[in-house]
Amino acid sequence: MVESELSVLVRQYLQRRIPNIEILQKEISTWSGDRNTNKVCVDWRFRKEDARVKLSKIYPTLHN
């Protein structure tokens, strides 16, 4: 999720040269505030069970 959010940040705000750290902090704060106000969230397209099948080496199956 973090990589996805950073990708959005770069595409929306940081595709230009930022002259100093203060402006960068302000841009990120504005972007973050907008995302939080609009309650933007990740829309997962698959269920946990589907991920377990597709990524079986990563997601172990619990046995009772």
C-alpha atoms as a PDB file:
ATOM      1  CA  MET A   1       0.000   0.000   0.000  1.00  0.00           C
ATOM      2  CA  VAL A   2       2.814   2.382   0.827  1.00  0.00           C
ATOM      3  CA  GLU A   3       4.379   1.984  -2.600  1.00  0.00           C
ATOM      4  CA  SER A   4       1.017   2.705  -4.227  1.00  0.00           C
ATOM      5  CA  GLU A   5       0.490   5.844  -2.148  1.00  0.00           C
ATOM      6  CA  LEU A   6       4.006   7.097  -2.897  1.00  0.00           C
ATOM      7  CA  SER A   7       3.382   6.536  -6.590  1.00  0.00           C
ATOM      8  CA  VAL A   8       0.217   8.650  -6.402  1.00  0.00           C
ATOM      9  CA  LEU A   9       2.083  11.367  -4.501  1.00  0.00           C
ATOM     10  CA  VAL A  10       4.805  11.525  -7.133  1.00  0.00           C
ATOM     11  CA  ARG A  11       2.332  11.617 -10.024  1.00  0.00           C
ATOM     12  CA  GLN A  12       0.063  14.237  -8.445  1.00  0.00           C
ATOM     13  CA  TYR A  13       2.508  16.612  -6.754  1.00  0.00           C
ATOM     14  CA  LEU A  14       6.154  15.849  -7.250  1.00  0.00           C
ATOM     15  CA  GLN A  15       6.712  15.645 -11.010  1.00  0.00           C
ATOM     16  CA  ARG A  16       8.686  18.847 -10.924  1.00  0.00           C
ATOM     17  CA  ARG A  17      11.768  20.123  -9.184  1.00  0.00           C
ATOM     18  CA  ILE A  18      11.048  21.224  -5.609  1.00  0.00           C
ATOM     19  CA  PRO A  19      13.385  24.092  -4.652  1.00  0.00           C
ATOM     20  CA  ASN A  20      13.627  23.469  -0.891  1.00  0.00           C
ATOM     21  CA  ILE A  21      12.568  21.185   1.950  1.00  0.00           C
ATOM     22  CA  GLU A  22       9.970  23.629   3.310  1.00  0.00           C
ATOM     23  CA  ILE A  23       8.032  23.646   0.040  1.00  0.00           C
ATOM     24  CA  LEU A  24       8.321  19.850  -0.175  1.00  0.00           C
ATOM     25  CA  GLN A  25       6.916  19.471   3.348  1.00  0.00           C
ATOM     26  CA  LYS A  26       4.053  21.859   2.531  1.00  0.00           C
ATOM     27  CA  GLU A  27       3.235  19.975  -0.701  1.00  0.00           C
ATOM     28  CA  ILE A  28       3.208  16.618   1.067  1.00  0.00           C
ATOM     29  CA  SER A  29       1.136  17.984   3.937  1.00  0.00           C
ATOM     30  CA  THR A  30      -1.431  19.421   1.506  1.00  0.00           C
ATOM     31  CA  TRP A  31      -1.580  16.171  -0.470  1.00  0.00           C
ATOM     32  CA  SER A  32      -1.910  14.085   2.685  1.00  0.00           C
ATOM     33  CA  GLY A  33      -4.649  16.351   4.044  1.00  0.00           C
ATOM     34  CA  ASP A  34      -6.596  16.117   0.787  1.00  0.00           C
ATOM     35  CA  ARG A  35      -6.299  12.301   0.752  1.00  0.00           C
ATOM     36  CA  ASN A  36      -7.441  12.066   4.377  1.00  0.00           C
ATOM     37  CA  THR A  37     -10.320  14.533   3.927  1.00  0.00           C
ATOM     38  CA  ASN A  38     -11.586  12.587   0.915  1.00  0.00           C
ATOM     39  CA  LYS A  39     -11.073   9.284   2.789  1.00  0.00           C
ATOM     40  CA  VAL A  40      -9.156   7.784  -0.114  1.00  0.00           C
ATOM     41  CA  CYS A  41      -8.410   4.118   0.444  1.00  0.00           C
ATOM     42  CA  VAL A  42      -7.073   1.112  -1.401  1.00  0.00           C
ATOM     43  CA  ASP A  43      -9.699  -0.792  -3.370  1.00  0.00           C
ATOM     44  CA  TRP A  44      -8.478  -4.375  -3.213  1.00  0.00           C
ATOM     45  CA  ARG A  45      -9.596  -6.378  -6.235  1.00  0.00           C
ATOM     46  CA  PHE A  46      -9.182  -9.840  -4.760  1.00  0.00           C
ATOM     47  CA  ARG A  47     -10.075 -11.644  -1.577  1.00  0.00           C
ATOM     48  CA  LYS A  48      -7.658 -13.077   0.936  1.00  0.00           C
ATOM     49  CA  GLU A  49      -8.568 -16.597  -0.197  1.00  0.00           C
ATOM     50  CA  ASP A  50      -7.743 -15.717  -3.823  1.00  0.00           C
ATOM     51  CA  ALA A  51      -4.385 -14.311  -2.737  1.00  0.00           C
ATOM     52  CA  ARG A  52      -3.617 -17.525  -0.854  1.00  0.00           C
ATOM     53  CA  VAL A  53      -4.144 -19.536  -4.052  1.00  0.00           C
ATOM     54  CA  LYS A  54      -2.244 -17.182  -6.351  1.00  0.00           C
ATOM     55  CA  LEU A  55       0.566 -16.481  -3.900  1.00  0.00           C
ATOM     56  CA  SER A  56       0.643 -19.842  -2.121  1.00  0.00           C
ATOM     57  CA  LYS A  57       4.393 -19.653  -1.459  1.00  0.00           C
ATOM     58  CA  ILE A  58       3.992 -16.359   0.393  1.00  0.00           C
ATOM     59  CA  TYR A  59       0.699 -16.929   2.216  1.00  0.00           C
ATOM     60  CA  PRO A  60       0.812 -20.104   4.262  1.00  0.00           C
ATOM     61  CA  THR A  61      -2.340 -22.118   4.840  1.00  0.00           C
ATOM     62  CA  LEU A  62      -3.412 -22.692   8.440  1.00  0.00           C
ATOM     63  CA  HIS A  63      -4.192 -26.298   9.285  1.00  0.00           C
ATOM     64  CA  ASN A  64      -6.384 -27.290  12.248  1.00  0.00           C
END
